[in-house]
Each structure stands twice: as structure tokens, then as C-alpha cells.
Amino acid sequence: MLITSQIQYNVATIDENSSAREAARQMTERYIGSLAVTGAYGVKGIFTERDLMMRVIGEGLDPATVKVGDVTNESLVKVMPTEEVGHCLDLMKENRCRHLVVFDGNKFVGIVSLRDIVALMISEKEELIARLKEYIAS
């Protein structure tokens, strides 16, 4: 099963020079848990709720003065749009992350989250159950 249908293509972004407070405001207003951090050369990382808690609040830093780019993990875990769900889950487990950045070659495409993958897996299981019920009833 591929992740293609679950990729979030319309990704919220924030400039690396914006404050962590601004990031928190955007995530709160949009009811989302992450922002793609952009720099001069495109997407350079992902800033998540967890980053806000662990790298800003947990370290006693002032969210109003801390730049998102200074607390963003820049080691992106990248996947292709045609990646298999199982491989994505393995990458998330290995890298202890909940978001993967989707690139098609060098072009940023979007983000896929653990929640997206779980939704895809549930949908697939529901389809299988419906087909099995139909088969048994016929």
C-alpha cells in the first residue's frame, strides 16, 4: 500500500527567522501539529508541537525571541510519493519521528504524518472487511 493518497500537499510553512511563538500561533489557529520550515533554499526542516515543548519551553527559552530555525531538527527524513506504508512506519520508528517529508527528486511535495498513515491502514482494512463480507454473502 502506497502513501500517495495520504500526502498533505497544502503544507503550512514558516520562515526559519520567525519566532517559536509565531509558529505556535499558526499551529493553534490552523489546528495542526507541524509546520514546514523554509529557508533561502527551500524546506529545511519541520517544526512540531514536540519541538516547541522539548527544545523551547523545556529548555526554558523565550518563545517570543527564539527563532524557529534555531530549534528545528534539520535532519529531514525524506520519502518519495510512491513509498510503501510499511517502510514509512519503519522510518518513523527508527528516527523517532511522527512526520516524513515527501520529495519527488529534489522537489518538495508535502508531508505525511503518522496519523495519515494510520488512517490509510484503517481504510484499507475496512475495504478488505467489506469485500470479505460480500464474498461470504454471495
Protein backbone atom coordinates (compact mmCIF):
# COMPACT_ATOMS: atom_id res chain seq x y z
CA MET A 1 0.00 0.00 0.00
CA LEU A 2 1.41 3.37 -1.07
CA ILE A 3 1.26 6.67 0.84
CA THR A 4 0.35 8.70 -2.27
CA SER A 5 -3.28 9.32 -1.28
CA GLN A 6 -2.38 10.49 2.23
CA ILE A 7 0.26 13.09 1.45
CA GLN A 8 -0.61 16.55 2.73
CA TYR A 9 0.18 18.66 -0.32
CA ASN A 10 -1.02 22.01 1.02
CA VAL A 11 1.52 22.31 3.82
CA ALA A 12 1.67 25.24 6.22
CA THR A 13 5.11 26.83 6.23
CA ILE A 14 7.05 29.23 8.39
CA ASP A 15 10.26 31.12 7.69
CA GLU A 16 13.29 30.00 9.69
CA ASN A 17 13.67 33.53 11.11
CA SER A 18 10.16 33.58 12.62
CA SER A 19 9.75 33.15 16.35
CA ALA A 20 8.64 29.98 18.07
CA ARG A 21 5.69 32.00 19.41
CA GLU A 22 4.61 32.77 15.83
CA ALA A 23 4.91 29.07 14.99
CA ALA A 24 2.75 28.17 17.99
CA ARG A 25 0.18 30.79 16.97
CA GLN A 26 -0.02 29.40 13.43
CA MET A 27 -0.32 25.80 14.61
CA THR A 28 -3.06 26.81 17.07
CA GLU A 29 -5.03 28.83 14.51
CA ARG A 30 -4.83 26.10 11.89
CA TYR A 31 -5.27 23.26 14.39
CA ILE A 32 -2.18 21.47 13.09
CA GLY A 33 0.83 19.92 14.79
CA SER A 34 3.65 20.87 12.46
CA LEU A 35 4.99 23.48 10.07
CA ALA A 36 7.49 23.09 7.26
CA VAL A 37 10.40 25.43 7.99
CA THR A 38 11.65 27.29 4.96
CA GLY A 39 14.97 28.97 4.36
CA ALA A 40 16.73 30.56 1.43
CA TYR A 41 16.97 27.22 -0.38
CA GLY A 42 13.53 25.76 0.28
CA VAL A 43 12.31 23.43 3.02
CA LYS A 44 14.99 22.90 5.63
CA GLY A 45 13.08 21.13 8.38
CA ILE A 46 9.85 20.56 10.26
CA PHE A 47 8.87 22.36 13.45
CA THR A 48 6.42 20.36 15.58
CA GLU A 49 4.50 20.74 18.81
CA ARG A 50 7.04 18.39 20.33
CA ASP A 51 9.89 20.68 19.24
CA LEU A 52 8.12 23.58 20.91
CA MET A 53 7.80 21.66 24.16
CA MET A 54 11.21 19.94 24.20
CA ARG A 55 13.51 22.50 22.56
CA VAL A 56 11.92 25.77 23.61
CA ILE A 57 9.70 25.51 26.70
CA GLY A 58 11.54 22.53 28.17
CA GLU A 59 14.86 24.37 27.81
CA GLY A 60 13.48 27.50 29.47
CA LEU A 61 13.80 29.58 26.31
CA ASP A 62 11.52 32.51 25.47
CA PRO A 63 9.26 31.55 22.54
CA ALA A 64 9.00 35.21 21.55
CA THR A 65 12.73 35.53 20.93
CA VAL A 66 13.78 32.04 19.80
CA LYS A 67 13.95 31.66 16.03
CA VAL A 68 12.27 28.57 14.65
CA GLY A 69 15.35 27.84 12.54
CA ASP A 70 17.50 27.64 15.68
CA VAL A 71 15.40 24.85 17.23
CA THR A 72 14.35 22.91 14.14
CA ASN A 73 15.78 19.48 13.51
CA GLU A 74 17.28 19.80 10.06
CA SER A 75 17.96 16.10 9.51
CA LEU A 76 14.90 15.52 7.37
CA VAL A 77 13.58 12.01 6.96
CA LYS A 78 12.63 12.02 3.28
CA VAL A 79 10.43 9.67 1.31
CA MET A 80 9.14 9.50 -2.25
CA PRO A 81 5.40 9.89 -3.02
CA THR A 82 5.31 6.22 -4.06
CA GLU A 83 6.71 4.91 -0.78
CA GLU A 84 5.18 1.86 0.87
CA VAL A 85 3.36 2.38 4.17
CA GLY A 86 5.40 -0.31 5.94
CA HIS A 87 8.66 1.38 5.02
CA CYS A 88 7.33 4.74 6.25
CA LEU A 89 6.37 3.21 9.58
CA ASP A 90 9.85 1.67 9.87
CA LEU A 91 11.47 5.05 9.16
CA MET A 92 9.30 6.76 11.77
CA LYS A 93 10.21 4.13 14.34
CA GLU A 94 13.94 4.24 13.54
CA ASN A 95 14.08 8.04 13.56
CA ARG A 96 11.63 8.52 16.44
CA CYS A 97 9.51 10.94 14.43
CA ARG A 98 5.86 11.34 13.50
CA HIS A 99 6.27 13.24 10.22
CA LEU A 100 8.05 12.41 7.00
CA VAL A 101 8.90 14.96 4.33
CA VAL A 102 7.87 13.91 0.84
CA PHE A 103 10.16 14.82 -2.05
CA ASP A 104 9.87 13.88 -5.70
CA GLY A 105 13.52 14.07 -6.67
CA ASN A 106 14.66 17.46 -5.37
CA LYS A 107 11.15 18.94 -5.35
CA PHE A 108 9.30 19.27 -2.04
CA VAL A 109 5.87 17.70 -2.42
CA GLY A 110 4.39 17.61 1.08
CA ILE A 111 4.31 15.89 4.44
CA VAL A 112 2.87 12.60 5.62
CA SER A 113 2.19 12.08 9.31
CA LEU A 114 1.73 9.02 11.45
CA ARG A 115 -1.96 9.94 11.72
CA ASP A 116 -2.25 9.95 7.91
CA ILE A 117 -0.68 6.52 7.68
CA VAL A 118 -2.92 5.08 10.39
CA ALA A 119 -5.98 6.47 8.57
CA LEU A 120 -4.81 4.84 5.35
CA MET A 121 -4.29 1.50 7.08
CA ILE A 122 -7.74 1.62 8.71
CA SER A 123 -9.34 2.46 5.37
CA GLU A 124 -7.60 -0.46 3.71
CA LYS A 125 -8.73 -2.85 6.46
CA GLU A 126 -12.33 -1.60 6.21
CA GLU A 127 -12.31 -2.18 2.44
CA LEU A 128 -10.96 -5.70 2.95
CA ILE A 129 -13.64 -6.48 5.54
CA ALA A 130 -16.38 -5.21 3.19
CA ARG A 131 -15.05 -7.36 0.32
CA LEU A 132 -14.85 -10.43 2.56
CA LYS A 133 -18.42 -9.89 3.79
CA GLU A 134 -19.57 -9.53 0.19
CA TYR A 135 -17.73 -12.70 -0.79
CA ILE A 136 -19.22 -14.68 2.11
CA ALA A 137 -22.75 -13.42 1.37
CA SER A 138 -22.56 -14.39 -2.32
